[in-house]
Protein backbone atom coordinates (compact mmCIF):
# COMPACT_ATOMS: atom_id res chain seq x y z
CA MET A 1 142.07 91.80 117.06
CA LYS A 2 145.67 93.89 117.17
CA LYS A 3 148.25 92.28 119.10
CA LEU A 4 151.16 94.48 120.02
CA ASN A 5 154.35 94.02 118.82
CA LEU A 6 156.68 94.03 122.16
CA GLU A 7 160.17 94.35 120.02
CA GLU A 8 158.72 96.84 117.31
CA VAL A 9 157.92 99.27 120.88
CA ARG A 10 161.22 98.33 122.54
CA HIS A 11 163.55 99.40 119.25
CA PHE A 12 161.30 102.05 118.81
CA ILE A 13 162.01 103.23 123.07
CA GLU A 14 165.83 102.67 122.47
CA ALA A 15 166.00 104.65 119.95
CA GLN A 16 164.47 107.50 121.79
CA THR A 17 166.80 109.92 123.90
CA LEU A 18 165.94 110.11 127.42
CA GLU A 19 163.91 113.52 127.44
CA SER A 20 161.04 111.63 125.46
CA LYS A 21 158.25 110.38 127.95
CA ILE A 22 156.65 106.81 128.07
CA TYR A 23 153.23 107.38 128.31
CA ILE A 24 151.02 103.37 129.05
CA GLY A 25 146.82 103.26 129.81
CA CYS A 26 143.67 100.60 129.21
CA ASP A 27 140.41 101.33 127.91
CA SER A 28 138.02 98.72 127.88
CA GLU A 29 134.07 99.00 125.66
CA ARG A 30 131.80 97.00 127.06
CA PHE A 31 128.91 94.63 125.18
CA ARG A 32 127.30 92.22 124.91
CA ILE A 33 127.18 88.67 121.45
CA GLY A 34 124.18 86.76 121.98
CA LYS A 35 123.34 86.11 126.06
CA ASP A 36 126.78 86.57 126.99
CA TRP A 37 129.06 90.43 127.84
CA TYR A 38 132.41 90.28 126.25
CA ALA A 39 134.87 93.54 126.74
CA ASP A 40 137.13 95.19 124.03
CA TYR A 41 140.46 95.71 126.78
CA VAL A 42 142.33 98.42 123.57
CA MET A 43 145.72 99.02 125.32
CA ALA A 44 147.95 101.96 123.97
CA ILE A 45 151.78 103.08 124.54
CA VAL A 46 152.48 106.89 123.77
CA VAL A 47 155.90 107.87 123.35
CA HIS A 48 155.65 111.50 123.20
CA ILE A 49 159.67 111.97 121.42
CA ASN A 50 161.98 114.02 123.34
CA GLY A 51 159.26 115.16 125.50
CA ASN A 52 158.57 117.91 123.03
CA ASN A 53 158.72 116.91 119.38
CA GLY A 54 154.82 115.36 119.08
CA CYS A 55 153.85 110.75 119.78
CA LYS A 56 153.56 107.44 118.51
CA ILE A 57 150.99 105.64 120.10
CA PHE A 58 150.85 101.57 119.46
CA GLY A 59 148.15 99.76 121.13
CA GLU A 60 146.93 96.80 121.05
CA VAL A 61 142.76 95.93 120.72
CA THR A 62 142.27 91.79 123.22
CA ARG A 63 138.90 90.78 123.60
CA GLU A 64 137.39 88.63 126.61
CA LYS A 65 134.48 87.64 128.22
CA ASP A 66 132.94 90.23 130.34
CA TYR A 67 131.77 88.54 134.76
CA ASP A 68 130.21 92.44 135.67
CA GLN A 69 126.94 91.64 137.68
CA LYS A 70 126.91 95.24 138.12
CA GLN A 71 127.12 97.49 134.79
CA ASN A 72 127.26 100.98 136.47
CA ARG A 73 129.99 99.22 139.23
CA PRO A 74 132.09 97.69 137.13
CA ARG A 75 134.77 95.98 139.03
CA TYR A 76 135.64 92.77 137.34
CA ARG A 77 136.44 94.03 133.79
CA LEU A 78 138.10 97.70 135.27
CA MET A 79 140.59 95.48 137.55
CA ASN A 80 141.38 94.07 133.96
CA GLU A 81 142.28 97.06 132.79
CA VAL A 82 144.59 97.49 136.24
CA TYR A 83 146.18 93.73 135.25
CA LYS A 84 146.68 94.82 131.89
CA VAL A 85 148.28 97.70 132.59
CA SER A 86 150.77 96.64 135.02
CA GLU A 87 151.55 93.34 132.85
CA LEU A 88 152.40 95.26 129.92
CA TYR A 89 154.41 97.94 132.43
CA LEU A 90 156.64 95.67 133.42
CA LYS A 91 157.69 93.71 130.21
CA LEU A 92 158.98 96.75 129.34
CA ALA A 93 160.73 98.05 132.70
CA ASP A 94 164.64 97.19 132.01
CA ILE A 95 164.21 99.85 129.04
CA LEU A 96 162.00 101.56 131.45
CA GLU A 97 164.21 102.67 134.53
CA GLU A 98 165.74 105.58 132.99
CA ARG A 99 163.27 106.88 131.70
CA THR A 100 160.18 109.47 132.75
CA VAL A 101 157.01 106.99 132.82
CA GLU A 102 153.22 107.11 133.54
CA VAL A 103 150.88 104.42 133.77
CA HIS A 104 147.71 105.49 133.24
CA LEU A 105 143.83 104.36 134.32
CA ASP A 106 141.07 104.65 133.23
CA ILE A 107 138.41 105.22 136.87
CA ASN A 108 137.73 108.30 138.00
CA PRO A 109 137.99 108.98 141.18
CA ASP A 110 134.79 111.07 141.74
CA GLU A 111 132.77 108.80 143.91
CA MET A 112 129.43 109.76 141.32
CA TYR A 113 131.98 107.56 139.28
CA GLY A 114 131.00 103.71 138.95
CA SER A 115 134.16 103.16 138.04
CA ASN A 116 135.39 104.54 140.81
CA CYS A 117 134.72 101.02 143.20
CA VAL A 118 138.08 99.91 142.74
CA ILE A 119 140.13 103.25 142.98
CA ASN A 120 141.90 102.52 146.01
CA GLU A 121 142.31 98.20 144.76
CA ALA A 122 143.45 100.12 140.88
CA ILE A 123 145.89 102.17 142.64
CA GLY A 124 147.39 100.07 145.07
CA TYR A 125 148.18 97.70 142.32
CA ILE A 126 150.27 99.57 140.26
CA ARG A 127 152.12 100.95 143.64
CA GLY A 128 153.19 97.62 144.09
CA THR A 129 154.06 96.48 140.91
CA CYS A 130 155.04 98.67 138.79
CA ASN A 131 156.31 101.22 141.90
CA VAL A 132 154.48 104.40 140.06
CA VAL A 133 151.64 106.48 141.72
CA PRO A 134 149.68 106.00 138.27
CA MET A 135 147.76 108.38 137.22
CA VAL A 136 143.84 108.19 136.89
CA LYS A 137 140.58 110.67 135.42
CA PRO A 138 140.76 113.73 134.66
CA ASN A 139 144.69 113.51 134.18
CA ALA A 140 145.15 110.15 132.21
CA PHE A 141 144.98 111.10 129.19
CA ALA A 142 146.73 107.62 127.40
CA ALA A 143 144.09 105.37 129.51
CA SER A 144 141.33 108.24 128.71
CA TYR A 145 141.95 109.16 125.03
CA ALA A 146 144.14 107.54 122.97
CA ALA A 147 143.76 103.41 124.01
CA GLY A 148 139.55 104.59 123.82
CA ARG A 149 141.09 106.44 119.84
CA PHE A 150 142.95 103.42 119.21
CA LYS A 151 140.54 101.11 117.90
CA THR A 152 138.39 103.50 116.11
CA PHE A 153 141.58 104.97 114.11
CA ASP A 154 142.02 101.05 112.55
CA ASN A 155 137.93 100.66 113.22
CA CYS A 156 137.87 99.41 109.88
CA LYS A 157 140.14 95.75 110.67
CA TYR A 158 138.77 95.93 114.26
CA LYS A 159 135.12 96.37 115.00
CA SER A 160 133.31 95.27 117.41
CA ALA A 161 131.24 91.56 116.26
């Protein structure tokens, strides 16, 4: 699994102008090993340099047991994504204060999708802990795309078992 080097992230963000935008997101993938279900959580920090000069992506992949009983209503796993994004935001909060920062959640507000089961709790949790209104699908690219793809960027090192 890949571990995020927070000091490297801090250093990089601090070296950027205040026009740089920061996007923080998390995605997860559920899979089975033997009889047990697990999830790989992929967190991503996207630093959009000067708000218009490309970006640098930092990420982390962790694996945890998944206790969701209903695969089509993954409440436990989705709220874990929310908790992880919040925790990451709070670890960087002191260097994010004067910057444009968005928290992205890989949750679909459409009732037709299973992730909708946590929409209210997830938004409320991020608003309460991070004091920002999070973005959800389809506007949550740091979770839906950056985190979702981060694991595959380095897939030779971080394959699921």
